[in-house]
Amino acid sequence: MKSALFGFLFGMWILILVGGGIAVTILGPFSISGFDEFDRFIGSVIKAIVAILLVVMWILILSKLKNWIFRKEIKS
């Protein structure tokens, strides 16, 4: 059981680091031009949507990983 828990925590930290890396390297410098005074607003909306989608994906991945670990532990 301890190894499964450590695996889950390791997976969680990997997802946190990958998500932070994506946010800093890809979303940070992203900008939109051509909409005059709405450039910053549209860019921020796009960044927020992508960040929310990443969080939802990470939650789904961790939920699947947790369910897989507990099913494996219950069967043994």
Protein backbone atom coordinates (compact mmCIF):
# COMPACT_ATOMS: atom_id res chain seq x y z
CA MET A 1 0.00 0.00 0.00
CA LYS A 2 2.84 2.42 0.79
CA SER A 3 4.42 2.03 -2.64
CA ALA A 4 1.07 2.75 -4.32
CA LEU A 5 0.63 5.87 -2.21
CA PHE A 6 4.15 7.03 -3.00
CA GLY A 7 3.49 6.38 -6.70
CA PHE A 8 0.36 8.50 -6.53
CA LEU A 9 2.23 11.33 -4.80
CA PHE A 10 5.05 11.09 -7.33
CA GLY A 11 2.54 11.28 -10.19
CA MET A 12 0.86 14.25 -8.55
CA TRP A 13 4.14 16.15 -8.23
CA ILE A 14 5.10 15.36 -11.82
CA LEU A 15 1.78 16.78 -13.03
CA ILE A 16 2.26 19.89 -10.90
CA LEU A 17 5.74 20.47 -12.33
CA VAL A 18 4.61 19.84 -15.91
CA GLY A 19 1.61 22.15 -15.50
CA GLY A 20 3.79 24.88 -14.02
CA GLY A 21 6.27 24.49 -16.85
CA ILE A 22 3.51 24.77 -19.43
CA ALA A 23 2.07 27.84 -17.72
CA VAL A 24 5.43 29.63 -17.52
CA THR A 25 6.98 28.69 -20.86
CA ILE A 26 3.96 28.60 -23.16
CA LEU A 27 1.13 30.58 -21.61
CA GLY A 28 3.26 33.34 -20.08
CA PRO A 29 4.67 34.87 -23.26
CA PHE A 30 1.49 34.22 -25.29
CA SER A 31 -0.04 37.41 -26.71
CA ILE A 32 -2.70 38.41 -29.20
CA SER A 33 -2.54 41.39 -31.55
CA GLY A 34 -4.96 42.96 -33.97
CA PHE A 35 -7.84 43.78 -31.63
CA ASP A 36 -6.57 47.25 -30.57
CA GLU A 37 -7.42 47.90 -26.90
CA PHE A 38 -8.84 44.38 -26.39
CA ASP A 39 -5.51 42.60 -27.05
CA ARG A 40 -4.70 42.11 -23.37
CA PHE A 41 -8.25 41.10 -22.46
CA ILE A 42 -8.55 38.49 -25.21
CA GLY A 43 -5.07 37.15 -24.41
CA SER A 44 -5.98 36.86 -20.72
CA VAL A 45 -9.25 35.07 -21.51
CA ILE A 46 -7.42 32.55 -23.70
CA LYS A 47 -4.78 32.00 -21.00
CA ALA A 48 -7.47 31.51 -18.35
CA ILE A 49 -9.38 28.99 -20.47
CA VAL A 50 -6.23 26.98 -21.20
CA ALA A 51 -5.23 27.03 -17.52
CA ILE A 52 -8.69 25.85 -16.44
CA LEU A 53 -8.61 23.06 -19.03
CA LEU A 54 -5.19 21.96 -17.75
CA VAL A 55 -6.48 21.85 -14.18
CA VAL A 56 -9.51 19.78 -15.23
CA MET A 57 -7.26 17.39 -17.17
CA TRP A 58 -4.90 17.02 -14.20
CA ILE A 59 -7.82 16.30 -11.85
CA LEU A 60 -9.16 13.64 -14.23
CA ILE A 61 -5.73 12.04 -14.59
CA LEU A 62 -5.19 11.95 -10.82
CA SER A 63 -8.69 10.56 -10.28
CA LYS A 64 -8.05 7.74 -12.75
CA LEU A 65 -4.69 7.02 -11.12
CA LYS A 66 -6.27 6.94 -7.65
CA ASN A 67 -9.06 4.60 -8.81
CA TRP A 68 -6.53 2.29 -10.47
CA ILE A 69 -4.41 2.15 -7.31
CA PHE A 70 -7.37 1.39 -5.03
CA ARG A 71 -8.78 -1.27 -7.36
CA LYS A 72 -5.36 -2.91 -7.45
CA GLU A 73 -5.15 -2.84 -3.64
CA ILE A 74 -8.68 -4.20 -3.16
CA LYS A 75 -8.04 -7.15 -5.51
CA SER A 76 -4.89 -8.18 -3.64
